[in-house]
Amino acid sequence: MRTLALPEAVAKWSLTSLREKLVKIGAKIVTHARYVTFQMAEVAVPRGLFEEIPRLIAQLRPPPSPA
């Protein structure tokens, strides 16, 4: 996954660094009537980078076939 789904900026990160910076991040959860928001410090991982990783992971899977 590291070589296929990570942006160039973090392609050389170790699995430990990925875990610590992407998974073990403290976040504040703000709930409203219709949505939930996660507020994270941008010091850990910049917003653009954090948004790009799930997009790259989603591209690894082919789109579902029509029924």
C-alpha atoms as a PDB file:
ATOM      1  CA  MET A   1       0.000   0.000   0.000  1.00  0.00           C
ATOM      2  CA  ARG A   2       2.809   2.371   0.822  1.00  0.00           C
ATOM      3  CA  THR A   3       4.161   2.326  -2.727  1.00  0.00           C
ATOM      4  CA  LEU A   4       0.771   2.333  -4.452  1.00  0.00           C
ATOM      5  CA  ALA A   5      -1.356   4.725  -2.446  1.00  0.00           C
ATOM      6  CA  LEU A   6       0.902   7.391  -1.007  1.00  0.00           C
ATOM      7  CA  PRO A   7       1.658  10.772  -2.537  1.00  0.00           C
ATOM      8  CA  GLU A   8       5.245  11.489  -3.568  1.00  0.00           C
ATOM      9  CA  ALA A   9       5.715  13.793  -0.574  1.00  0.00           C
ATOM     10  CA  VAL A  10       5.428  10.889   1.880  1.00  0.00           C
ATOM     11  CA  ALA A  11       6.370   7.901  -0.281  1.00  0.00           C
ATOM     12  CA  LYS A  12       9.521   7.288   1.775  1.00  0.00           C
ATOM     13  CA  TRP A  13       7.831   7.332   5.188  1.00  0.00           C
ATOM     14  CA  SER A  14       8.202   4.148   7.206  1.00  0.00           C
ATOM     15  CA  LEU A  15       5.114   2.231   8.287  1.00  0.00           C
ATOM     16  CA  THR A  16       5.733   3.442  11.837  1.00  0.00           C
ATOM     17  CA  SER A  17       5.689   7.068  10.678  1.00  0.00           C
ATOM     18  CA  LEU A  18       2.474   6.484   8.739  1.00  0.00           C
ATOM     19  CA  ARG A  19       0.797   4.934  11.739  1.00  0.00           C
ATOM     20  CA  GLU A  20       1.880   7.694  14.083  1.00  0.00           C
ATOM     21  CA  LYS A  21       1.006  10.569  11.772  1.00  0.00           C
ATOM     22  CA  LEU A  22      -2.164   9.270  10.118  1.00  0.00           C
ATOM     23  CA  VAL A  23      -3.776   6.848  12.542  1.00  0.00           C
ATOM     24  CA  LYS A  24      -2.701   7.912  16.012  1.00  0.00           C
ATOM     25  CA  ILE A  25      -3.665  11.566  15.554  1.00  0.00           C
ATOM     26  CA  GLY A  26      -5.660  13.226  18.278  1.00  0.00           C
ATOM     27  CA  ALA A  27      -8.775  14.865  16.902  1.00  0.00           C
ATOM     28  CA  LYS A  28     -11.662  16.813  18.297  1.00  0.00           C
ATOM     29  CA  ILE A  29     -15.027  15.446  17.210  1.00  0.00           C
ATOM     30  CA  VAL A  30     -17.725  18.070  16.730  1.00  0.00           C
ATOM     31  CA  THR A  31     -21.262  16.776  16.243  1.00  0.00           C
ATOM     32  CA  HIS A  32     -24.170  18.710  14.860  1.00  0.00           C
ATOM     33  CA  ALA A  33     -27.701  17.630  14.040  1.00  0.00           C
ATOM     34  CA  ARG A  34     -26.849  16.304  10.563  1.00  0.00           C
ATOM     35  CA  TYR A  35     -23.087  15.833  10.393  1.00  0.00           C
ATOM     36  CA  VAL A  36     -19.934  15.010  12.322  1.00  0.00           C
ATOM     37  CA  THR A  37     -16.683  16.933  11.859  1.00  0.00           C
ATOM     38  CA  PHE A  38     -13.204  15.838  12.866  1.00  0.00           C
ATOM     39  CA  GLN A  39     -10.955  18.762  13.752  1.00  0.00           C
ATOM     40  CA  MET A  40      -7.283  17.839  13.645  1.00  0.00           C
ATOM     41  CA  ALA A  41      -4.161  19.889  14.111  1.00  0.00           C
ATOM     42  CA  GLU A  42      -2.610  20.557  10.720  1.00  0.00           C
ATOM     43  CA  VAL A  43       0.831  20.224  12.258  1.00  0.00           C
ATOM     44  CA  ALA A  44       0.645  16.423  12.035  1.00  0.00           C
ATOM     45  CA  VAL A  45      -0.411  16.093   8.380  1.00  0.00           C
ATOM     46  CA  PRO A  46      -1.405  18.974   6.070  1.00  0.00           C
ATOM     47  CA  ARG A  47      -5.016  18.929   4.889  1.00  0.00           C
ATOM     48  CA  GLY A  48      -4.194  18.440   1.212  1.00  0.00           C
ATOM     49  CA  LEU A  49      -2.027  15.438   1.971  1.00  0.00           C
ATOM     50  CA  PHE A  50      -4.638  13.927   4.280  1.00  0.00           C
ATOM     51  CA  GLU A  51      -7.317  14.313   1.556  1.00  0.00           C
ATOM     52  CA  GLU A  52      -5.091  12.871  -1.160  1.00  0.00           C
ATOM     53  CA  ILE A  53      -4.328   9.574   0.582  1.00  0.00           C
ATOM     54  CA  PRO A  54      -7.957   8.252   0.689  1.00  0.00           C
ATOM     55  CA  ARG A  55      -8.408   9.387  -2.927  1.00  0.00           C
ATOM     56  CA  LEU A  56      -5.363   7.377  -4.001  1.00  0.00           C
ATOM     57  CA  ILE A  57      -6.542   4.340  -2.036  1.00  0.00           C
ATOM     58  CA  ALA A  58      -9.967   4.538  -3.717  1.00  0.00           C
ATOM     59  CA  GLN A  59      -8.276   4.511  -7.141  1.00  0.00           C
ATOM     60  CA  LEU A  60      -6.708   1.125  -6.368  1.00  0.00           C
ATOM     61  CA  ARG A  61     -10.127  -0.529  -6.542  1.00  0.00           C
ATOM     62  CA  PRO A  62     -12.012  -0.689  -9.843  1.00  0.00           C
ATOM     63  CA  PRO A  63     -15.461   0.949  -9.894  1.00  0.00           C
ATOM     64  CA  PRO A  64     -18.375  -1.434  -9.265  1.00  0.00           C
ATOM     65  CA  SER A  65     -19.900  -3.007 -12.348  1.00  0.00           C
ATOM     66  CA  PRO A  66     -23.477  -2.035 -13.238  1.00  0.00           C
ATOM     67  CA  ALA A  67     -26.087  -4.499 -12.056  1.00  0.00           C
END
